[in-house]
Amino acid sequence: MKRRAAALALLLCATAPLAQTGDWVIVPGKRAGPIDAGASEARLVELFGARNVTREPFEVEPGVALSATVLFASDRTRRAVVLWRDAEKRTGPESVLIRGERSVWRTDKGITLGTPLATLRRINGKPLTLLGFGSDVGGTILEGDGGELTELGVAGPTGEVAGRTLVLRVEPDPAQRDSSAYQQSIGNDALSSESDAMRLLNPRVYELIADIATK
C-alpha cells in the first residue's frame, strides 16, 4: 500500500503543470514568466496544464483577427494572450498581451494592470507622452522620452519609435468621462503626463503588450 501511494505521488508530481512556481514576471524583449523565445503551444500545456491553454482568434484591430493561444481564459487575474511568429505551427512567441483591470502578471519594474500614470512617470524619472483617448489605441504611451523605461522605445527624428519592446495603454476611471479634463483629452493629439488634465485623470494601465525575444 505504501509503495502504491508513493508511486501515485511520484506520478502526480511528474504530470503536474510546471508553472506552479508562480513566475508571473515579464521582462520585455526577453520573456513573460516561463514563456521565452523557444516556447511552443505544446510547451505551454506542459507549463500551465491542458485545461488552462485554449485557442482563440484575437482581434488586433477592427476586422483583423490573428490565431492566438490564451492562458487561463476564465481567470481574469491570470489571463494572457500569446501571439505567435509561426501561427500555423504555434511556435516562437512574438508577444504576450495582458488586458483588464488587474493581473498577477507584472513587469520586472513592477508595472501591471491598474498601475497609474503617476507611478509610470515616477518609474521613468521623466515626463511621458501619451496619445489622447477615444480610439482603439487611445491612451497609448508613445515613448519613454529618454527615461528609465527604455522598453517603451525612443522616438527618432521622423517620429518613428525604435527599440520598443513594451506597449502600455492607459485609461481613466469611466466615472471621469463627463469631466472637462477627459473631454480635453479626447483625440489623436500627443499629451503630456505633466498636463493638468493628466494629473487630474491619472489614468491606469488597462493593456500591456510585451515582446518576446527572438532566438
C-alpha atoms as a PDB file:
ATOM      1  CA  MET A   1       0.000   0.000   0.000  1.00  0.00           C
ATOM      2  CA  LYS A   2       2.826   2.399   0.902  1.00  0.00           C
ATOM      3  CA  ARG A   3       4.631   1.624  -2.360  1.00  0.00           C
ATOM      4  CA  ARG A   4       1.451   2.255  -4.334  1.00  0.00           C
ATOM      5  CA  ALA A   5       0.864   5.593  -2.572  1.00  0.00           C
ATOM      6  CA  ALA A   6       4.457   6.620  -3.156  1.00  0.00           C
ATOM      7  CA  ALA A   7       4.222   5.686  -6.843  1.00  0.00           C
ATOM      8  CA  LEU A   8       0.979   7.665  -7.194  1.00  0.00           C
ATOM      9  CA  ALA A   9       2.534  10.701  -5.535  1.00  0.00           C
ATOM     10  CA  LEU A  10       5.513  10.499  -7.883  1.00  0.00           C
ATOM     11  CA  LEU A  11       3.214  10.258 -10.905  1.00  0.00           C
ATOM     12  CA  LEU A  12       1.209  13.292  -9.796  1.00  0.00           C
ATOM     13  CA  CYS A  13       4.387  15.313  -9.359  1.00  0.00           C
ATOM     14  CA  ALA A  14       5.589  14.293 -12.800  1.00  0.00           C
ATOM     15  CA  THR A  15       2.345  15.246 -14.554  1.00  0.00           C
ATOM     16  CA  ALA A  16       1.538  18.443 -12.633  1.00  0.00           C
ATOM     17  CA  PRO A  17       1.886  21.732 -14.555  1.00  0.00           C
ATOM     18  CA  LEU A  18       5.368  23.157 -14.183  1.00  0.00           C
ATOM     19  CA  ALA A  19       4.147  26.744 -13.711  1.00  0.00           C
ATOM     20  CA  GLN A  20       3.071  26.207 -10.118  1.00  0.00           C
ATOM     21  CA  THR A  21       6.271  28.081  -9.206  1.00  0.00           C
ATOM     22  CA  GLY A  22       4.296  31.297  -9.709  1.00  0.00           C
ATOM     23  CA  ASP A  23       6.625  33.072 -12.144  1.00  0.00           C
ATOM     24  CA  TRP A  24       4.484  35.933 -13.453  1.00  0.00           C
ATOM     25  CA  VAL A  25       7.326  38.365 -14.111  1.00  0.00           C
ATOM     26  CA  ILE A  26       7.518  39.879 -17.593  1.00  0.00           C
ATOM     27  CA  VAL A  27      10.927  41.000 -18.855  1.00  0.00           C
ATOM     28  CA  PRO A  28      10.087  42.941 -22.045  1.00  0.00           C
ATOM     29  CA  GLY A  29      12.095  41.771 -25.019  1.00  0.00           C
ATOM     30  CA  LYS A  30      13.040  38.531 -23.277  1.00  0.00           C
ATOM     31  CA  ARG A  31      10.272  36.548 -21.622  1.00  0.00           C
ATOM     32  CA  ALA A  32       6.902  36.502 -19.879  1.00  0.00           C
ATOM     33  CA  GLY A  33       7.266  34.259 -16.856  1.00  0.00           C
ATOM     34  CA  PRO A  34       8.493  30.914 -18.207  1.00  0.00           C
ATOM     35  CA  ILE A  35       7.442  31.814 -21.772  1.00  0.00           C
ATOM     36  CA  ASP A  36      10.562  32.511 -23.821  1.00  0.00           C
ATOM     37  CA  ALA A  37      11.546  32.510 -27.493  1.00  0.00           C
ATOM     38  CA  GLY A  38      11.840  28.721 -27.588  1.00  0.00           C
ATOM     39  CA  ALA A  39       8.317  28.075 -26.330  1.00  0.00           C
ATOM     40  CA  SER A  40       5.573  26.357 -28.319  1.00  0.00           C
ATOM     41  CA  GLU A  41       1.913  25.744 -27.584  1.00  0.00           C
ATOM     42  CA  ALA A  42       2.818  22.201 -26.519  1.00  0.00           C
ATOM     43  CA  ARG A  43       5.297  23.681 -24.052  1.00  0.00           C
ATOM     44  CA  LEU A  44       2.602  25.988 -22.672  1.00  0.00           C
ATOM     45  CA  VAL A  45       0.458  22.923 -21.979  1.00  0.00           C
ATOM     46  CA  GLU A  46       3.366  21.427 -20.030  1.00  0.00           C
ATOM     47  CA  LEU A  47       3.854  24.653 -18.112  1.00  0.00           C
ATOM     48  CA  PHE A  48       0.282  25.644 -17.332  1.00  0.00           C
ATOM     49  CA  GLY A  49      -1.810  22.490 -17.800  1.00  0.00           C
ATOM     50  CA  ALA A  50      -4.024  21.482 -20.735  1.00  0.00           C
ATOM     51  CA  ARG A  51      -7.216  22.919 -19.248  1.00  0.00           C
ATOM     52  CA  ASN A  52      -5.553  26.339 -18.933  1.00  0.00           C
ATOM     53  CA  VAL A  53      -4.418  26.573 -22.575  1.00  0.00           C
ATOM     54  CA  THR A  54      -7.020  27.290 -25.274  1.00  0.00           C
ATOM     55  CA  ARG A  55      -7.101  28.567 -28.843  1.00  0.00           C
ATOM     56  CA  GLU A  56      -8.991  31.719 -29.751  1.00  0.00           C
ATOM     57  CA  PRO A  57      -8.931  34.273 -32.571  1.00  0.00           C
ATOM     58  CA  PHE A  58      -7.606  37.592 -31.313  1.00  0.00           C
ATOM     59  CA  GLU A  59      -8.668  40.856 -32.943  1.00  0.00           C
ATOM     60  CA  VAL A  60      -5.555  43.015 -33.266  1.00  0.00           C
ATOM     61  CA  GLU A  61      -7.607  45.754 -34.913  1.00  0.00           C
ATOM     62  CA  PRO A  62     -11.239  46.044 -36.025  1.00  0.00           C
ATOM     63  CA  GLY A  63     -11.894  43.333 -38.605  1.00  0.00           C
ATOM     64  CA  VAL A  64      -8.398  41.824 -38.364  1.00  0.00           C
ATOM     65  CA  ALA A  65      -8.043  38.685 -36.232  1.00  0.00           C
ATOM     66  CA  LEU A  66      -4.997  36.509 -35.625  1.00  0.00           C
ATOM     67  CA  SER A  67      -4.785  32.967 -34.335  1.00  0.00           C
ATOM     68  CA  ALA A  68      -3.730  33.100 -30.682  1.00  0.00           C
ATOM     69  CA  THR A  69      -3.277  30.912 -27.640  1.00  0.00           C
ATOM     70  CA  VAL A  70      -4.981  32.048 -24.436  1.00  0.00           C
ATOM     71  CA  LEU A  71      -3.765  31.141 -20.984  1.00  0.00           C
ATOM     72  CA  PHE A  72      -6.292  30.953 -18.144  1.00  0.00           C
ATOM     73  CA  ALA A  73      -9.158  32.164 -20.339  1.00  0.00           C
ATOM     74  CA  SER A  74     -11.698  32.149 -17.492  1.00  0.00           C
ATOM     75  CA  ASP A  75      -9.410  33.678 -14.848  1.00  0.00           C
ATOM     76  CA  ARG A  76      -9.223  37.448 -15.234  1.00  0.00           C
ATOM     77  CA  THR A  77      -6.211  37.826 -12.969  1.00  0.00           C
ATOM     78  CA  ARG A  78      -4.055  35.242 -14.801  1.00  0.00           C
ATOM     79  CA  ARG A  79      -5.384  35.562 -18.350  1.00  0.00           C
ATOM     80  CA  ALA A  80      -2.769  36.202 -21.041  1.00  0.00           C
ATOM     81  CA  VAL A  81      -2.899  36.107 -24.849  1.00  0.00           C
ATOM     82  CA  VAL A  82       0.104  34.656 -26.691  1.00  0.00           C
ATOM     83  CA  LEU A  83       0.631  35.697 -30.324  1.00  0.00           C
ATOM     84  CA  TRP A  84       2.945  33.545 -32.449  1.00  0.00           C
ATOM     85  CA  ARG A  85       5.612  34.236 -35.048  1.00  0.00           C
ATOM     86  CA  ASP A  86       4.559  30.977 -36.708  1.00  0.00           C
ATOM     87  CA  ALA A  87       0.807  30.894 -36.092  1.00  0.00           C
ATOM     88  CA  GLU A  88       0.331  27.668 -38.044  1.00  0.00           C
ATOM     89  CA  LYS A  89       2.825  25.643 -36.010  1.00  0.00           C
ATOM     90  CA  ARG A  90       2.252  27.786 -32.894  1.00  0.00           C
ATOM     91  CA  THR A  91       5.932  28.161 -32.170  1.00  0.00           C
ATOM     92  CA  GLY A  92       8.092  31.168 -31.377  1.00  0.00           C
ATOM     93  CA  PRO A  93       6.015  33.549 -29.234  1.00  0.00           C
ATOM     94  CA  GLU A  94       6.012  37.033 -30.732  1.00  0.00           C
ATOM     95  CA  SER A  95       4.295  38.850 -27.876  1.00  0.00           C
ATOM     96  CA  VAL A  96       2.168  38.369 -24.794  1.00  0.00           C
ATOM     97  CA  LEU A  97      -0.826  40.620 -24.167  1.00  0.00           C
ATOM     98  CA  ILE A  98      -2.463  41.306 -20.809  1.00  0.00           C
ATOM     99  CA  ARG A  99      -5.698  43.297 -20.663  1.00  0.00           C
ATOM    100  CA  GLY A 100      -8.203  44.158 -17.940  1.00  0.00           C
ATOM    101  CA  GLU A 101      -8.345  45.747 -14.501  1.00  0.00           C
ATOM    102  CA  ARG A 102      -5.839  43.681 -12.512  1.00  0.00           C
ATOM    103  CA  SER A 103      -3.424  40.836 -13.048  1.00  0.00           C
ATOM    104  CA  VAL A 104      -0.769  38.728 -11.362  1.00  0.00           C
ATOM    105  CA  TRP A 105       1.442  39.404 -14.394  1.00  0.00           C
ATOM    106  CA  ARG A 106       3.812  42.355 -13.919  1.00  0.00           C
ATOM    107  CA  THR A 107       6.989  43.626 -15.500  1.00  0.00           C
ATOM    108  CA  ASP A 108      10.379  43.442 -13.840  1.00  0.00           C
ATOM    109  CA  LYS A 109       9.902  47.133 -12.956  1.00  0.00           C
ATOM    110  CA  GLY A 110       6.601  46.440 -11.220  1.00  0.00           C
ATOM    111  CA  ILE A 111       4.190  47.650 -13.919  1.00  0.00           C
ATOM    112  CA  THR A 112       0.898  45.755 -14.096  1.00  0.00           C
ATOM    113  CA  LEU A 113      -2.762  46.315 -14.916  1.00  0.00           C
ATOM    114  CA  GLY A 114      -4.052  49.155 -12.792  1.00  0.00           C
ATOM    115  CA  THR A 115      -0.709  50.937 -12.459  1.00  0.00           C
ATOM    116  CA  PRO A 116      -1.481  54.688 -12.547  1.00  0.00           C
ATOM    117  CA  LEU A 117       0.188  57.141 -14.900  1.00  0.00           C
ATOM    118  CA  ALA A 118       1.746  58.964 -11.951  1.00  0.00           C
ATOM    119  CA  THR A 119       3.583  55.771 -10.989  1.00  0.00           C
ATOM    120  CA  LEU A 120       4.766  55.235 -14.574  1.00  0.00           C
ATOM    121  CA  ARG A 121       6.067  58.801 -14.535  1.00  0.00           C
ATOM    122  CA  ARG A 122       7.919  58.148 -11.282  1.00  0.00           C
ATOM    123  CA  ILE A 123       9.492  54.916 -12.557  1.00  0.00           C
ATOM    124  CA  ASN A 124      10.527  56.609 -15.797  1.00  0.00           C
ATOM    125  CA  GLY A 125      12.078  59.563 -13.998  1.00  0.00           C
ATOM    126  CA  LYS A 126      10.914  61.859 -16.784  1.00  0.00           C
ATOM    127  CA  PRO A 127       7.572  63.056 -18.174  1.00  0.00           C
ATOM    128  CA  LEU A 128       5.770  60.691 -20.508  1.00  0.00           C
ATOM    129  CA  THR A 129       3.886  61.445 -23.691  1.00  0.00           C
ATOM    130  CA  LEU A 130       0.665  59.612 -24.477  1.00  0.00           C
ATOM    131  CA  LEU A 131      -1.993  59.548 -27.161  1.00  0.00           C
ATOM    132  CA  GLY A 132      -5.351  61.122 -26.432  1.00  0.00           C
ATOM    133  CA  PHE A 133      -8.354  58.985 -25.513  1.00  0.00           C
ATOM    134  CA  GLY A 134     -11.401  57.925 -27.521  1.00  0.00           C
ATOM    135  CA  SER A 135      -9.984  55.422 -30.039  1.00  0.00           C
ATOM    136  CA  ASP A 136      -8.866  51.776 -30.102  1.00  0.00           C
ATOM    137  CA  VAL A 137      -5.297  52.892 -29.418  1.00  0.00           C
ATOM    138  CA  GLY A 138      -6.245  55.760 -27.138  1.00  0.00           C
ATOM    139  CA  GLY A 139      -4.063  56.235 -24.089  1.00  0.00           C
ATOM    140  CA  THR A 140      -1.007  54.577 -25.662  1.00  0.00           C
ATOM    141  CA  ILE A 141       2.256  55.703 -24.067  1.00  0.00           C
ATOM    142  CA  LEU A 142       4.134  56.912 -27.133  1.00  0.00           C
ATOM    143  CA  GLU A 143       7.730  56.568 -25.904  1.00  0.00           C
ATOM    144  CA  GLY A 144       9.988  56.657 -22.872  1.00  0.00           C
ATOM    145  CA  ASP A 145      11.243  60.194 -23.643  1.00  0.00           C
ATOM    146  CA  GLY A 146      14.779  59.185 -22.669  1.00  0.00           C
ATOM    147  CA  GLY A 147      13.810  57.974 -19.197  1.00  0.00           C
ATOM    148  CA  GLU A 148      14.331  54.718 -17.316  1.00  0.00           C
ATOM    149  CA  LEU A 149      11.534  52.931 -19.195  1.00  0.00           C
ATOM    150  CA  THR A 150      13.740  52.232 -22.195  1.00  0.00           C
ATOM    151  CA  GLU A 151      11.431  49.341 -23.120  1.00  0.00           C
ATOM    152  CA  LEU A 152       8.923  51.949 -24.339  1.00  0.00           C
ATOM    153  CA  GLY A 153      11.367  52.936 -27.071  1.00  0.00           C
ATOM    154  CA  VAL A 154      12.798  56.224 -28.247  1.00  0.00           C
ATOM    155  CA  ALA A 155      11.321  58.443 -30.954  1.00  0.00           C
ATOM    156  CA  GLY A 156      13.558  59.140 -33.924  1.00  0.00           C
ATOM    157  CA  PRO A 157      13.843  62.428 -35.870  1.00  0.00           C
ATOM    158  CA  THR A 158      10.962  61.473 -38.173  1.00  0.00           C
ATOM    159  CA  GLY A 159       8.701  60.295 -35.364  1.00  0.00           C
ATOM    160  CA  GLU A 160       9.234  56.542 -35.616  1.00  0.00           C
ATOM    161  CA  VAL A 161       9.854  54.731 -32.318  1.00  0.00           C
ATOM    162  CA  ALA A 162      12.907  52.474 -32.131  1.00  0.00           C
ATOM    163  CA  GLY A 163      13.709  49.817 -29.548  1.00  0.00           C
ATOM    164  CA  ARG A 164      10.174  49.377 -28.248  1.00  0.00           C
ATOM    165  CA  THR A 165       9.603  46.041 -26.509  1.00  0.00           C
ATOM    166  CA  LEU A 166       6.640  47.076 -24.355  1.00  0.00           C
ATOM    167  CA  VAL A 167       3.359  48.781 -25.234  1.00  0.00           C
ATOM    168  CA  LEU A 168       1.319  50.333 -22.419  1.00  0.00           C
ATOM    169  CA  ARG A 169      -2.154  51.774 -22.755  1.00  0.00           C
ATOM    170  CA  VAL A 170      -3.907  53.698 -20.011  1.00  0.00           C
ATOM    171  CA  GLU A 171      -7.454  54.900 -19.448  1.00  0.00           C
ATOM    172  CA  PRO A 172      -9.126  56.969 -16.718  1.00  0.00           C
ATOM    173  CA  ASP A 173     -11.929  55.816 -14.465  1.00  0.00           C
ATOM    174  CA  PRO A 174     -15.195  55.649 -16.511  1.00  0.00           C
ATOM    175  CA  ALA A 175     -16.776  57.976 -13.946  1.00  0.00           C
ATOM    176  CA  GLN A 176     -14.451  60.717 -15.210  1.00  0.00           C
ATOM    177  CA  ARG A 177     -15.621  60.625 -18.810  1.00  0.00           C
ATOM    178  CA  ASP A 178     -18.026  63.518 -18.320  1.00  0.00           C
ATOM    179  CA  SER A 179     -15.344  65.695 -16.744  1.00  0.00           C
ATOM    180  CA  SER A 180     -13.819  68.632 -18.574  1.00  0.00           C
ATOM    181  CA  ALA A 181     -10.359  67.068 -18.113  1.00  0.00           C
ATOM    182  CA  TYR A 182     -11.423  63.972 -20.044  1.00  0.00           C
ATOM    183  CA  GLN A 183     -13.172  65.959 -22.756  1.00  0.00           C
ATOM    184  CA  GLN A 184      -9.982  67.984 -23.239  1.00  0.00           C
ATOM    185  CA  SER A 185      -8.019  64.731 -23.639  1.00  0.00           C
ATOM    186  CA  ILE A 186     -10.043  63.123 -26.441  1.00  0.00           C
ATOM    187  CA  GLY A 187      -8.418  62.850 -29.860  1.00  0.00           C
ATOM    188  CA  ASN A 188      -5.190  61.859 -31.565  1.00  0.00           C
ATOM    189  CA  ASP A 189      -3.036  64.619 -30.129  1.00  0.00           C
ATOM    190  CA  ALA A 190       0.041  63.801 -28.057  1.00  0.00           C
ATOM    191  CA  LEU A 191      -0.473  64.730 -24.405  1.00  0.00           C
ATOM    192  CA  SER A 192       1.991  65.159 -21.566  1.00  0.00           C
ATOM    193  CA  SER A 193       1.767  63.325 -18.276  1.00  0.00           C
ATOM    194  CA  GLU A 194       2.534  66.727 -16.711  1.00  0.00           C
ATOM    195  CA  SER A 195      -0.610  68.443 -18.016  1.00  0.00           C
ATOM    196  CA  ASP A 196      -3.301  69.494 -15.557  1.00  0.00           C
ATOM    197  CA  ALA A 197      -5.769  67.137 -17.261  1.00  0.00           C
ATOM    198  CA  MET A 198      -3.492  64.100 -16.915  1.00  0.00           C
ATOM    199  CA  ARG A 199      -2.727  64.917 -13.299  1.00  0.00           C
ATOM    200  CA  LEU A 200      -6.456  65.078 -12.562  1.00  0.00           C
ATOM    201  CA  LEU A 201      -7.385  61.944 -14.516  1.00  0.00           C
ATOM    202  CA  ASN A 202      -4.311  59.892 -13.528  1.00  0.00           C
ATOM    203  CA  PRO A 203      -5.328  57.094 -15.948  1.00  0.00           C
ATOM    204  CA  ARG A 204      -4.344  53.500 -15.195  1.00  0.00           C
ATOM    205  CA  VAL A 205      -2.827  50.756 -17.324  1.00  0.00           C
ATOM    206  CA  TYR A 206      -5.520  48.596 -18.914  1.00  0.00           C
ATOM    207  CA  GLU A 207      -3.410  46.894 -21.594  1.00  0.00           C
ATOM    208  CA  LEU A 208       0.157  45.665 -21.629  1.00  0.00           C
ATOM    209  CA  ILE A 209       1.852  44.049 -24.652  1.00  0.00           C
ATOM    210  CA  ALA A 210       5.353  42.667 -24.193  1.00  0.00           C
ATOM    211  CA  ASP A 211       7.591  41.392 -26.968  1.00  0.00           C
ATOM    212  CA  ILE A 212       9.359  38.060 -26.558  1.00  0.00           C
ATOM    213  CA  ALA A 213      12.973  37.829 -27.723  1.00  0.00           C
ATOM    214  CA  THR A 214      13.752  36.081 -30.985  1.00  0.00           C
ATOM    215  CA  LYS A 215      16.190  33.172 -30.923  1.00  0.00           C
END
